[in-house]
Amino acid sequence: MCYLSLRSNNVSISTILSGNTVVISATTTATTPVQVASSTLGGNQYRVINSGAVVVILGYGQTSAQATSGAVVPTSTQNNCLPLLPGTDEIITFVPNAYFSANATTSTATIYITPGDGD
């Protein structure tokens, strides 16, 4: 078991990493969805990093279809869609063992997603 502690703006966030890091190479079309599996029962928190220099639209959901449909640049209301700014490093709560797909708005970007349990 691996522990991760982040410190930002004098706030400390600890999480127990509970699965393998998944790498998504985002391009200007939605990627094939990948499931980020947790080795714990309630593993529903994910560290998400956009190491690219462009905005990435992250599609997510309980199914691969939901993740794919969310990974589009929204023109109005869009379900299962989360924009990630360049350099984003966030811990976000989704459903356990979620599926993810990514779409770079221009160019390409690399997204890293690691499941965990925060405290």
C-alpha atoms as a PDB file:
ATOM      1  CA  MET A   1       0.000   0.000   0.000  1.00  0.00           C
ATOM      2  CA  CYS A   2       1.321   3.436  -0.909  1.00  0.00           C
ATOM      3  CA  TYR A   3       0.457   6.710   0.788  1.00  0.00           C
ATOM      4  CA  LEU A   4       0.495  10.088  -0.925  1.00  0.00           C
ATOM      5  CA  SER A   5       0.438  13.420   0.845  1.00  0.00           C
ATOM      6  CA  LEU A   6      -0.100  16.638  -1.093  1.00  0.00           C
ATOM      7  CA  ARG A   7       0.362  20.119   0.294  1.00  0.00           C
ATOM      8  CA  SER A   8      -1.156  23.133  -1.424  1.00  0.00           C
ATOM      9  CA  ASN A   9      -2.067  26.544   0.006  1.00  0.00           C
ATOM     10  CA  ASN A  10      -1.236  25.291   3.513  1.00  0.00           C
ATOM     11  CA  VAL A  11      -3.780  22.479   3.187  1.00  0.00           C
ATOM     12  CA  SER A  12      -2.527  18.928   3.490  1.00  0.00           C
ATOM     13  CA  ILE A  13      -4.383  16.179   1.645  1.00  0.00           C
ATOM     14  CA  SER A  14      -3.554  12.545   2.294  1.00  0.00           C
ATOM     15  CA  THR A  15      -4.703   9.642   0.214  1.00  0.00           C
ATOM     16  CA  ILE A  16      -4.004   5.926   0.114  1.00  0.00           C
ATOM     17  CA  LEU A  17      -3.157   4.874  -3.424  1.00  0.00           C
ATOM     18  CA  SER A  18      -5.211   1.779  -4.199  1.00  0.00           C
ATOM     19  CA  GLY A  19      -4.480   0.790  -7.772  1.00  0.00           C
ATOM     20  CA  ASN A  20      -2.292   1.242 -10.793  1.00  0.00           C
ATOM     21  CA  THR A  21      -1.806   4.576 -12.519  1.00  0.00           C
ATOM     22  CA  VAL A  22      -3.421   4.667 -15.955  1.00  0.00           C
ATOM     23  CA  VAL A  23      -1.967   6.835 -18.727  1.00  0.00           C
ATOM     24  CA  ILE A  24      -4.245   8.314 -21.395  1.00  0.00           C
ATOM     25  CA  SER A  25      -2.694   9.914 -24.477  1.00  0.00           C
ATOM     26  CA  ALA A  26      -5.337  12.464 -25.422  1.00  0.00           C
ATOM     27  CA  THR A  27      -5.718  13.672 -28.991  1.00  0.00           C
ATOM     28  CA  THR A  28      -8.423  15.744 -30.678  1.00  0.00           C
ATOM     29  CA  THR A  29     -10.815  12.781 -30.752  1.00  0.00           C
ATOM     30  CA  ALA A  30     -12.095  10.828 -27.759  1.00  0.00           C
ATOM     31  CA  THR A  31      -9.763   8.016 -26.730  1.00  0.00           C
ATOM     32  CA  THR A  32     -10.843   4.437 -26.171  1.00  0.00           C
ATOM     33  CA  PRO A  33     -12.199   4.369 -22.595  1.00  0.00           C
ATOM     34  CA  VAL A  34     -10.103   2.745 -19.878  1.00  0.00           C
ATOM     35  CA  GLN A  35     -11.276   1.510 -16.509  1.00  0.00           C
ATOM     36  CA  VAL A  36      -9.272   2.725 -13.525  1.00  0.00           C
ATOM     37  CA  ALA A  37      -9.764  -0.102 -11.045  1.00  0.00           C
ATOM     38  CA  SER A  38      -9.286   0.269  -7.315  1.00  0.00           C
ATOM     39  CA  SER A  39      -8.082  -2.567  -5.107  1.00  0.00           C
ATOM     40  CA  THR A  40     -10.320  -1.397  -2.242  1.00  0.00           C
ATOM     41  CA  LEU A  41     -14.086  -1.659  -1.868  1.00  0.00           C
ATOM     42  CA  GLY A  42     -14.920   2.029  -1.923  1.00  0.00           C
ATOM     43  CA  GLY A  43     -12.035   3.367  -3.998  1.00  0.00           C
ATOM     44  CA  ASN A  44     -13.829   6.291  -5.590  1.00  0.00           C
ATOM     45  CA  GLN A  45     -11.231   9.064  -5.432  1.00  0.00           C
ATOM     46  CA  TYR A  46      -8.769   9.651  -8.237  1.00  0.00           C
ATOM     47  CA  ARG A  47      -5.675  11.762  -8.622  1.00  0.00           C
ATOM     48  CA  VAL A  48      -5.965  13.269 -12.104  1.00  0.00           C
ATOM     49  CA  ILE A  49      -3.029  15.046 -13.747  1.00  0.00           C
ATOM     50  CA  ASN A  50      -3.063  16.838 -17.093  1.00  0.00           C
ATOM     51  CA  SER A  51       0.635  17.171 -17.900  1.00  0.00           C
ATOM     52  CA  GLY A  52      -0.112  18.745 -21.277  1.00  0.00           C
ATOM     53  CA  ALA A  53      -0.161  22.366 -22.383  1.00  0.00           C
ATOM     54  CA  VAL A  54      -3.764  22.295 -23.656  1.00  0.00           C
ATOM     55  CA  VAL A  55      -7.227  21.914 -22.126  1.00  0.00           C
ATOM     56  CA  VAL A  56      -8.433  18.309 -22.066  1.00  0.00           C
ATOM     57  CA  ILE A  57     -12.055  17.242 -21.805  1.00  0.00           C
ATOM     58  CA  LEU A  58     -12.227  14.216 -19.507  1.00  0.00           C
ATOM     59  CA  GLY A  59     -15.192  11.926 -20.010  1.00  0.00           C
ATOM     60  CA  TYR A  60     -16.084   9.660 -17.094  1.00  0.00           C
ATOM     61  CA  GLY A  61     -18.769   7.246 -15.984  1.00  0.00           C
ATOM     62  CA  GLN A  62     -19.801   3.844 -14.711  1.00  0.00           C
ATOM     63  CA  THR A  63     -19.620   2.484 -18.262  1.00  0.00           C
ATOM     64  CA  SER A  64     -17.280   2.930 -21.187  1.00  0.00           C
ATOM     65  CA  ALA A  65     -20.167   4.405 -23.203  1.00  0.00           C
ATOM     66  CA  GLN A  66     -20.694   7.153 -20.618  1.00  0.00           C
ATOM     67  CA  ALA A  67     -16.973   7.986 -20.642  1.00  0.00           C
ATOM     68  CA  THR A  68     -16.890   8.170 -24.440  1.00  0.00           C
ATOM     69  CA  SER A  69     -19.996  10.356 -24.684  1.00  0.00           C
ATOM     70  CA  GLY A  70     -18.561  12.755 -22.084  1.00  0.00           C
ATOM     71  CA  ALA A  71     -15.208  13.213 -23.823  1.00  0.00           C
ATOM     72  CA  VAL A  72     -16.374  15.848 -26.284  1.00  0.00           C
ATOM     73  CA  VAL A  73     -15.891  19.602 -26.290  1.00  0.00           C
ATOM     74  CA  PRO A  74     -19.204  20.865 -24.915  1.00  0.00           C
ATOM     75  CA  THR A  75     -21.253  23.315 -26.949  1.00  0.00           C
ATOM     76  CA  SER A  76     -24.080  23.359 -24.395  1.00  0.00           C
ATOM     77  CA  THR A  77     -24.913  21.159 -21.395  1.00  0.00           C
ATOM     78  CA  GLN A  78     -22.816  17.990 -21.422  1.00  0.00           C
ATOM     79  CA  ASN A  79     -23.112  15.022 -19.035  1.00  0.00           C
ATOM     80  CA  ASN A  80     -20.083  13.151 -17.656  1.00  0.00           C
ATOM     81  CA  CYS A  81     -17.715  15.868 -18.844  1.00  0.00           C
ATOM     82  CA  LEU A  82     -14.922  17.584 -16.919  1.00  0.00           C
ATOM     83  CA  PRO A  83     -12.556  20.161 -18.474  1.00  0.00           C
ATOM     84  CA  LEU A  84      -8.969  19.846 -17.215  1.00  0.00           C
ATOM     85  CA  LEU A  85      -6.830  22.956 -17.529  1.00  0.00           C
ATOM     86  CA  PRO A  86      -3.175  22.567 -18.558  1.00  0.00           C
ATOM     87  CA  GLY A  87      -1.077  21.478 -15.590  1.00  0.00           C
ATOM     88  CA  THR A  88      -4.102  20.308 -13.568  1.00  0.00           C
ATOM     89  CA  ASP A  89      -3.288  18.121 -10.564  1.00  0.00           C
ATOM     90  CA  GLU A  90      -6.504  17.319  -8.711  1.00  0.00           C
ATOM     91  CA  ILE A  91      -8.001  14.689  -6.447  1.00  0.00           C
ATOM     92  CA  ILE A  92     -11.585  14.155  -7.583  1.00  0.00           C
ATOM     93  CA  THR A  93     -14.380  11.848  -6.415  1.00  0.00           C
ATOM     94  CA  PHE A  94     -16.152   9.719  -9.033  1.00  0.00           C
ATOM     95  CA  VAL A  95     -17.875   6.324  -8.903  1.00  0.00           C
ATOM     96  CA  PRO A  96     -15.690   3.354  -7.879  1.00  0.00           C
ATOM     97  CA  ASN A  97     -13.810   1.669 -10.741  1.00  0.00           C
ATOM     98  CA  ALA A  98     -14.784   4.434 -13.159  1.00  0.00           C
ATOM     99  CA  TYR A  99     -14.148   4.511 -16.886  1.00  0.00           C
ATOM    100  CA  PHE A 100     -12.334   7.492 -18.413  1.00  0.00           C
ATOM    101  CA  SER A 101     -11.810   8.860 -21.915  1.00  0.00           C
ATOM    102  CA  ALA A 102     -10.051  12.075 -22.913  1.00  0.00           C
ATOM    103  CA  ASN A 103     -10.177  14.574 -25.744  1.00  0.00           C
ATOM    104  CA  ALA A 104      -7.532  17.290 -26.125  1.00  0.00           C
ATOM    105  CA  THR A 105      -9.114  20.486 -27.430  1.00  0.00           C
ATOM    106  CA  THR A 106      -6.080  21.074 -29.673  1.00  0.00           C
ATOM    107  CA  SER A 107      -2.848  19.157 -30.128  1.00  0.00           C
ATOM    108  CA  THR A 108      -2.143  16.353 -27.628  1.00  0.00           C
ATOM    109  CA  ALA A 109      -1.759  15.890 -23.877  1.00  0.00           C
ATOM    110  CA  THR A 110      -0.948  13.108 -21.438  1.00  0.00           C
ATOM    111  CA  ILE A 111      -3.377  12.392 -18.604  1.00  0.00           C
ATOM    112  CA  TYR A 112      -2.422  10.331 -15.538  1.00  0.00           C
ATOM    113  CA  ILE A 113      -5.150   8.855 -13.326  1.00  0.00           C
ATOM    114  CA  THR A 114      -4.461   6.991 -10.078  1.00  0.00           C
ATOM    115  CA  PRO A 115      -7.219   5.583  -7.833  1.00  0.00           C
ATOM    116  CA  GLY A 116      -7.093   6.081  -4.079  1.00  0.00           C
ATOM    117  CA  ASP A 117      -8.948   6.648  -0.833  1.00  0.00           C
ATOM    118  CA  GLY A 118      -8.619  10.023   0.872  1.00  0.00           C
ATOM    119  CA  ASP A 119      -8.973  10.875   4.510  1.00  0.00           C
END
